Amino acid sequence: MNHLHLDLNLDKHLDATLVIECPVCGHEITHHFRSLEPDSVLVCSQCQHSVTVSEADLERAEALYQAMLRDGEQ
């Protein structure tokens, strides 16, 4: 199974934006994390490639989000 290269950006209110690297062109695709559901499809604005965000991807992002919150409390 291929995993998306993903990261999260947090704003000052600790709202997360999911950042996904397009597997075709490498462009960063961003979307508000909490509004995504499993099997959401995002389209790269650079090459128009469709990227499906799986439940496993969202679980990885949630784990990253929780780790970022824990790290911020220290």
PDB file of N, CA and C in Angstrom:
ATOM      1  N   MET A   1       0.849  -1.190   0.000  1.00  0.00           N
ATOM      2  CA  MET A   1       0.000   0.000   0.000  1.00  0.00           C
ATOM      3  C   MET A   1       0.889   1.246   0.000  1.00  0.00           C
ATOM      4  N   ASN A   2       0.604   2.171  -0.878  1.00  0.00           N
ATOM      5  CA  ASN A   2       1.356   3.422  -0.928  1.00  0.00           C
ATOM      6  C   ASN A   2       0.768   4.409   0.071  1.00  0.00           C
ATOM      7  N   HIS A   3       1.654   5.033   0.819  1.00  0.00           N
ATOM      8  CA  HIS A   3       1.229   6.063   1.762  1.00  0.00           C
ATOM      9  C   HIS A   3       1.512   7.426   1.156  1.00  0.00           C
ATOM     10  N   LEU A   4       0.605   8.344   1.389  1.00  0.00           N
ATOM     11  CA  LEU A   4       0.826   9.716   0.957  1.00  0.00           C
ATOM     12  C   LEU A   4       1.883  10.360   1.838  1.00  0.00           C
ATOM     13  N   HIS A   5       2.673  11.247   1.249  1.00  0.00           N
ATOM     14  CA  HIS A   5       3.573  12.078   2.044  1.00  0.00           C
ATOM     15  C   HIS A   5       2.730  13.220   2.579  1.00  0.00           C
ATOM     16  N   LEU A   6       2.571  13.269   3.883  1.00  0.00           N
ATOM     17  CA  LEU A   6       1.698  14.287   4.462  1.00  0.00           C
ATOM     18  C   LEU A   6       2.338  14.941   5.668  1.00  0.00           C
ATOM     19  N   ASP A   7       1.828  16.121   5.970  1.00  0.00           N
ATOM     20  CA  ASP A   7       2.260  16.894   7.126  1.00  0.00           C
ATOM     21  C   ASP A   7       1.065  17.719   7.583  1.00  0.00           C
ATOM     22  N   LEU A   8       1.197  18.346   8.721  1.00  0.00           N
ATOM     23  CA  LEU A   8       0.151  19.230   9.231  1.00  0.00           C
ATOM     24  C   LEU A   8       0.752  20.577   9.582  1.00  0.00           C
ATOM     25  N   ASN A   9      -0.010  21.616   9.342  1.00  0.00           N
ATOM     26  CA  ASN A   9       0.324  22.956   9.812  1.00  0.00           C
ATOM     27  C   ASN A   9      -0.747  23.352  10.819  1.00  0.00           C
ATOM     28  N   LEU A  10      -0.314  23.897  11.958  1.00  0.00           N
ATOM     29  CA  LEU A  10      -1.256  24.373  12.972  1.00  0.00           C
ATOM     30  C   LEU A  10      -1.259  25.889  12.995  1.00  0.00           C
ATOM     31  N   ASP A  11      -2.461  26.473  13.085  1.00  0.00           N
ATOM     32  CA  ASP A  11      -2.526  27.923  13.238  1.00  0.00           C
ATOM     33  C   ASP A  11      -2.541  28.266  14.733  1.00  0.00           C
ATOM     34  N   LYS A  12      -2.673  29.534  15.046  1.00  0.00           N
ATOM     35  CA  LYS A  12      -2.601  29.963  16.447  1.00  0.00           C
ATOM     36  C   LYS A  12      -3.761  29.443  17.294  1.00  0.00           C
ATOM     37  N   HIS A  13      -4.822  28.986  16.640  1.00  0.00           N
ATOM     38  CA  HIS A  13      -5.971  28.426  17.344  1.00  0.00           C
ATOM     39  C   HIS A  13      -5.885  26.903  17.424  1.00  0.00           C
ATOM     40  N   LEU A  14      -4.750  26.351  16.970  1.00  0.00           N
ATOM     41  CA  LEU A  14      -4.492  24.916  16.921  1.00  0.00           C
ATOM     42  C   LEU A  14      -5.401  24.181  15.941  1.00  0.00           C
ATOM     43  N   ASP A  15      -5.917  24.903  14.949  1.00  0.00           N
ATOM     44  CA  ASP A  15      -6.644  24.274  13.854  1.00  0.00           C
ATOM     45  C   ASP A  15      -5.614  23.759  12.856  1.00  0.00           C
ATOM     46  N   ALA A  16      -5.815  22.536  12.388  1.00  0.00           N
ATOM     47  CA  ALA A  16      -4.827  21.891  11.531  1.00  0.00           C
ATOM     48  C   ALA A  16      -5.205  21.959  10.056  1.00  0.00           C
ATOM     49  N   THR A  17      -4.197  22.213   9.237  1.00  0.00           N
ATOM     50  CA  THR A  17      -4.316  22.123   7.788  1.00  0.00           C
ATOM     51  C   THR A  17      -3.459  20.948   7.345  1.00  0.00           C
ATOM     52  N   LEU A  18      -4.075  20.013   6.629  1.00  0.00           N
ATOM     53  CA  LEU A  18      -3.349  18.869   6.104  1.00  0.00           C
ATOM     54  C   LEU A  18      -2.609  19.298   4.851  1.00  0.00           C
ATOM     55  N   VAL A  19      -1.344  18.938   4.769  1.00  0.00           N
ATOM     56  CA  VAL A  19      -0.508  19.244   3.611  1.00  0.00           C
ATOM     57  C   VAL A  19      -0.068  17.916   3.015  1.00  0.00           C
ATOM     58  N   ILE A  20      -0.457  17.677   1.768  1.00  0.00           N
ATOM     59  CA  ILE A  20      -0.132  16.433   1.077  1.00  0.00           C
ATOM     60  C   ILE A  20       0.720  16.758  -0.138  1.00  0.00           C
ATOM     61  N   GLU A  21       1.771  15.988  -0.332  1.00  0.00           N
ATOM     62  CA  GLU A  21       2.597  16.145  -1.527  1.00  0.00           C
ATOM     63  C   GLU A  21       1.950  15.364  -2.666  1.00  0.00           C
ATOM     64  N   CYS A  22       1.677  16.040  -3.786  1.00  0.00           N
ATOM     65  CA  CYS A  22       1.116  15.368  -4.950  1.00  0.00           C
ATOM     66  C   CYS A  22       2.111  14.300  -5.408  1.00  0.00           C
ATOM     67  N   PRO A  23       1.653  13.049  -5.549  1.00  0.00           N
ATOM     68  CA  PRO A  23       2.570  11.985  -5.951  1.00  0.00           C
ATOM     69  C   PRO A  23       3.046  12.100  -7.395  1.00  0.00           C
ATOM     70  N   VAL A  24       2.400  12.943  -8.186  1.00  0.00           N
ATOM     71  CA  VAL A  24       2.788  13.105  -9.589  1.00  0.00           C
ATOM     72  C   VAL A  24       3.781  14.241  -9.769  1.00  0.00           C
ATOM     73  N   CYS A  25       3.445  15.429  -9.251  1.00  0.00           N
ATOM     74  CA  CYS A  25       4.287  16.603  -9.535  1.00  0.00           C
ATOM     75  C   CYS A  25       4.994  17.170  -8.305  1.00  0.00           C
ATOM     76  N   GLY A  26       4.633  16.698  -7.100  1.00  0.00           N
ATOM     77  CA  GLY A  26       5.278  17.177  -5.883  1.00  0.00           C
ATOM     78  C   GLY A  26       4.689  18.453  -5.307  1.00  0.00           C
ATOM     79  N   HIS A  27       3.687  19.033  -5.967  1.00  0.00           N
ATOM     80  CA  HIS A  27       3.037  20.248  -5.475  1.00  0.00           C
ATOM     81  C   HIS A  27       2.350  19.956  -4.136  1.00  0.00           C
ATOM     82  N   GLU A  28       2.313  20.938  -3.246  1.00  0.00           N
ATOM     83  CA  GLU A  28       1.636  20.777  -1.962  1.00  0.00           C
ATOM     84  C   GLU A  28       0.143  21.043  -2.108  1.00  0.00           C
ATOM     85  N   ILE A  29      -0.644  20.059  -1.721  1.00  0.00           N
ATOM     86  CA  ILE A  29      -2.102  20.168  -1.709  1.00  0.00           C
ATOM     87  C   ILE A  29      -2.496  20.391  -0.250  1.00  0.00           C
ATOM     88  N   THR A  30      -3.259  21.440   0.018  1.00  0.00           N
ATOM     89  CA  THR A  30      -3.654  21.731   1.395  1.00  0.00           C
ATOM     90  C   THR A  30      -5.172  21.669   1.542  1.00  0.00           C
ATOM     91  N   HIS A  31      -5.607  21.241   2.710  1.00  0.00           N
ATOM     92  CA  HIS A  31      -7.036  21.178   2.996  1.00  0.00           C
ATOM     93  C   HIS A  31      -7.221  21.180   4.509  1.00  0.00           C
ATOM     94  N   HIS A  32      -8.286  21.826   4.989  1.00  0.00           N
ATOM     95  CA  HIS A  32      -8.583  21.851   6.425  1.00  0.00           C
ATOM     96  C   HIS A  32      -8.775  20.414   6.905  1.00  0.00           C
ATOM     97  N   PHE A  33      -7.986  20.012   7.872  1.00  0.00           N
ATOM     98  CA  PHE A  33      -7.939  18.623   8.324  1.00  0.00           C
ATOM     99  C   PHE A  33      -9.285  18.105   8.816  1.00  0.00           C
ATOM    100  N   ARG A  34      -9.948  18.837   9.671  1.00  0.00           N
ATOM    101  CA  ARG A  34     -11.183  18.346  10.303  1.00  0.00           C
ATOM    102  C   ARG A  34     -12.351  18.191   9.326  1.00  0.00           C
ATOM    103  N   SER A  35     -12.265  18.778   8.150  1.00  0.00           N
ATOM    104  CA  SER A  35     -13.373  18.653   7.197  1.00  0.00           C
ATOM    105  C   SER A  35     -13.208  17.452   6.266  1.00  0.00           C
ATOM    106  N   LEU A  36     -12.104  16.715   6.400  1.00  0.00           N
ATOM    107  CA  LEU A  36     -11.875  15.547   5.550  1.00  0.00           C
ATOM    108  C   LEU A  36     -12.510  14.300   6.147  1.00  0.00           C
ATOM    109  N   GLU A  37     -13.016  13.446   5.274  1.00  0.00           N
ATOM    110  CA  GLU A  37     -13.554  12.152   5.657  1.00  0.00           C
ATOM    111  C   GLU A  37     -12.775  11.087   4.902  1.00  0.00           C
ATOM    112  N   PRO A  38     -12.804   9.833   5.368  1.00  0.00           N
ATOM    113  CA  PRO A  38     -12.108   8.780   4.623  1.00  0.00           C
ATOM    114  C   PRO A  38     -12.562   8.733   3.162  1.00  0.00           C
ATOM    115  N   ASP A  39     -11.606   8.524   2.293  1.00  0.00           N
ATOM    116  CA  ASP A  39     -11.811   8.454   0.843  1.00  0.00           C
ATOM    117  C   ASP A  39     -12.182   9.794   0.217  1.00  0.00           C
ATOM    118  N   SER A  40     -11.865  10.887   0.909  1.00  0.00           N
ATOM    119  CA  SER A  40     -12.012  12.214   0.302  1.00  0.00           C
ATOM    120  C   SER A  40     -11.039  12.307  -0.869  1.00  0.00           C
ATOM    121  N   VAL A  41     -11.455  12.987  -1.916  1.00  0.00           N
ATOM    122  CA  VAL A  41     -10.606  13.164  -3.093  1.00  0.00           C
ATOM    123  C   VAL A  41     -10.222  14.632  -3.197  1.00  0.00           C
ATOM    124  N   LEU A  42      -8.911  14.881  -3.233  1.00  0.00           N
ATOM    125  CA  LEU A  42      -8.380  16.225  -3.415  1.00  0.00           C
ATOM    126  C   LEU A  42      -7.719  16.283  -4.777  1.00  0.00           C
ATOM    127  N   VAL A  43      -7.818  17.430  -5.438  1.00  0.00           N
ATOM    128  CA  VAL A  43      -7.246  17.592  -6.770  1.00  0.00           C
ATOM    129  C   VAL A  43      -6.083  18.565  -6.697  1.00  0.00           C
ATOM    130  N   CYS A  44      -4.959  18.151  -7.259  1.00  0.00           N
ATOM    131  CA  CYS A  44      -3.775  19.005  -7.300  1.00  0.00           C
ATOM    132  C   CYS A  44      -4.046  20.181  -8.232  1.00  0.00           C
ATOM    133  N   SER A  45      -3.812  21.381  -7.745  1.00  0.00           N
ATOM    134  CA  SER A  45      -4.056  22.574  -8.565  1.00  0.00           C
ATOM    135  C   SER A  45      -2.983  22.754  -9.631  1.00  0.00           C
ATOM    136  N   GLN A  46      -1.873  22.046  -9.493  1.00  0.00           N
ATOM    137  CA  GLN A  46      -0.779  22.167 -10.452  1.00  0.00           C
ATOM    138  C   GLN A  46      -0.975  21.248 -11.662  1.00  0.00           C
ATOM    139  N   CYS A  47      -1.239  19.940 -11.405  1.00  0.00           N
ATOM    140  CA  CYS A  47      -1.301  18.966 -12.508  1.00  0.00           C
ATOM    141  C   CYS A  47      -2.672  18.316 -12.668  1.00  0.00           C
ATOM    142  N   GLN A  48      -3.622  18.652 -11.802  1.00  0.00           N
ATOM    143  CA  GLN A  48      -4.996  18.139 -11.823  1.00  0.00           C
ATOM    144  C   GLN A  48      -5.111  16.659 -11.453  1.00  0.00           C
ATOM    145  N   HIS A  49      -4.062  16.083 -10.876  1.00  0.00           N
ATOM    146  CA  HIS A  49      -4.107  14.688 -10.431  1.00  0.00           C
ATOM    147  C   HIS A  49      -5.042  14.583  -9.222  1.00  0.00           C
ATOM    148  N   SER A  50      -5.880  13.551  -9.204  1.00  0.00           N
ATOM    149  CA  SER A  50      -6.775  13.305  -8.069  1.00  0.00           C
ATOM    150  C   SER A  50      -6.064  12.442  -7.037  1.00  0.00           C
ATOM    151  N   VAL A  51      -6.123  12.879  -5.783  1.00  0.00           N
ATOM    152  CA  VAL A  51      -5.477  12.172  -4.680  1.00  0.00           C
ATOM    153  C   VAL A  51      -6.563  11.767  -3.688  1.00  0.00           C
ATOM    154  N   THR A  52      -6.653  10.474  -3.409  1.00  0.00           N
ATOM    155  CA  THR A  52      -7.624   9.974  -2.448  1.00  0.00           C
ATOM    156  C   THR A  52      -6.967   9.869  -1.076  1.00  0.00           C
ATOM    157  N   VAL A  53      -7.608  10.458  -0.087  1.00  0.00           N
ATOM    158  CA  VAL A  53      -7.113  10.431   1.287  1.00  0.00           C
ATOM    159  C   VAL A  53      -7.838   9.290   2.005  1.00  0.00           C
ATOM    160  N   SER A  54      -7.099   8.231   2.303  1.00  0.00           N
ATOM    161  CA  SER A  54      -7.695   7.038   2.901  1.00  0.00           C
ATOM    162  C   SER A  54      -7.923   7.208   4.400  1.00  0.00           C
ATOM    163  N   GLU A  55      -8.631   6.264   4.966  1.00  0.00           N
ATOM    164  CA  GLU A  55      -8.832   6.270   6.416  1.00  0.00           C
ATOM    165  C   GLU A  55      -7.492   6.129   7.131  1.00  0.00           C
ATOM    166  N   ALA A  56      -6.597   5.298   6.593  1.00  0.00           N
ATOM    167  CA  ALA A  56      -5.265   5.127   7.193  1.00  0.00           C
ATOM    168  C   ALA A  56      -4.476   6.434   7.154  1.00  0.00           C
ATOM    169  N   ASP A  57      -4.600   7.195   6.060  1.00  0.00           N
ATOM    170  CA  ASP A  57      -3.923   8.495   5.972  1.00  0.00           C
ATOM    171  C   ASP A  57      -4.454   9.445   7.038  1.00  0.00           C
ATOM    172  N   LEU A  58      -5.770   9.452   7.229  1.00  0.00           N
ATOM    173  CA  LEU A  58      -6.361  10.328   8.241  1.00  0.00           C
ATOM    174  C   LEU A  58      -5.958   9.900   9.652  1.00  0.00           C
ATOM    175  N   GLU A  59      -5.822   8.600   9.867  1.00  0.00           N
ATOM    176  CA  GLU A  59      -5.364   8.122  11.176  1.00  0.00           C
ATOM    177  C   GLU A  59      -3.924   8.550  11.434  1.00  0.00           C
ATOM    178  N   ARG A  60      -3.073   8.479  10.413  1.00  0.00           N
ATOM    179  CA  ARG A  60      -1.691   8.945  10.554  1.00  0.00           C
ATOM    180  C   ARG A  60      -1.660  10.441  10.850  1.00  0.00           C
ATOM    181  N   ALA A  61      -2.510  11.195  10.160  1.00  0.00           N
ATOM    182  CA  ALA A  61      -2.563  12.641  10.382  1.00  0.00           C
ATOM    183  C   ALA A  61      -3.070  12.952  11.788  1.00  0.00           C
ATOM    184  N   GLU A  62      -4.046  12.199  12.264  1.00  0.00           N
ATOM    185  CA  GLU A  62      -4.566  12.402  13.626  1.00  0.00           C
ATOM    186  C   GLU A  62      -3.482  12.115  14.659  1.00  0.00           C
ATOM    187  N   ALA A  63      -2.705  11.057  14.457  1.00  0.00           N
ATOM    188  CA  ALA A  63      -1.606  10.741  15.378  1.00  0.00           C
ATOM    189  C   ALA A  63      -0.569  11.862  15.370  1.00  0.00           C
ATOM    190  N   LEU A  64      -0.274  12.393  14.201  1.00  0.00           N
ATOM    191  CA  LEU A  64       0.666  13.507  14.092  1.00  0.00           C
ATOM    192  C   LEU A  64       0.115  14.738  14.812  1.00  0.00           C
ATOM    193  N   TYR A  65      -1.169  15.013  14.629  1.00  0.00           N
ATOM    194  CA  TYR A  65      -1.819  16.147  15.283  1.00  0.00           C
ATOM    195  C   TYR A  65      -1.723  16.021  16.804  1.00  0.00           C
ATOM    196  N   GLN A  66      -2.041  14.838  17.323  1.00  0.00           N
ATOM    197  CA  GLN A  66      -1.973  14.629  18.774  1.00  0.00           C
ATOM    198  C   GLN A  66      -0.544  14.797  19.283  1.00  0.00           C
ATOM    199  N   ALA A  67       0.433  14.311  18.532  1.00  0.00           N
ATOM    200  CA  ALA A  67       1.839  14.467  18.922  1.00  0.00           C
ATOM    201  C   ALA A  67       2.243  15.937  18.920  1.00  0.00           C
ATOM    202  N   MET A  68       1.767  16.688  17.941  1.00  0.00           N
ATOM    203  CA  MET A  68       2.083  18.116  17.872  1.00  0.00           C
ATOM    204  C   MET A  68       1.484  18.850  19.071  1.00  0.00           C
ATOM    205  N   LEU A  69       0.276  18.483  19.453  1.00  0.00           N
ATOM    206  CA  LEU A  69      -0.359  19.108  20.617  1.00  0.00           C
ATOM    207  C   LEU A  69       0.415  18.779  21.891  1.00  0.00           C
ATOM    208  N   ARG A  70       0.839  17.523  22.035  1.00  0.00           N
ATOM    209  CA  ARG A  70       1.625  17.126  23.215  1.00  0.00           C
ATOM    210  C   ARG A  70       2.950  17.877  23.258  1.00  0.00           C
ATOM    211  N   ASP A  71       3.617  17.966  22.115  1.00  0.00           N
ATOM    212  CA  ASP A  71       4.911  18.658  22.055  1.00  0.00           C
ATOM    213  C   ASP A  71       4.761  20.138  22.380  1.00  0.00           C
ATOM    214  N   GLY A  72       3.626  20.721  22.007  1.00  0.00           N
ATOM    215  CA  GLY A  72       3.392  22.134  22.260  1.00  0.00           C
ATOM    216  C   GLY A  72       3.131  22.450  23.720  1.00  0.00           C
ATOM    217  N   GLU A  73       2.725  21.446  24.489  1.00  0.00           N
ATOM    218  CA  GLU A  73       2.426  21.649  25.910  1.00  0.00           C
ATOM    219  C   GLU A  73       3.684  21.695  26.761  1.00  0.00           C
ATOM    220  N   GLN A  74       4.796  21.256  26.223  1.00  0.00           N
ATOM    221  CA  GLN A  74       6.037  21.183  27.009  1.00  0.00           C
ATOM    222  C   GLN A  74       6.723  22.508  27.095  1.00  0.00           C
TER     223      GLN A  74
END
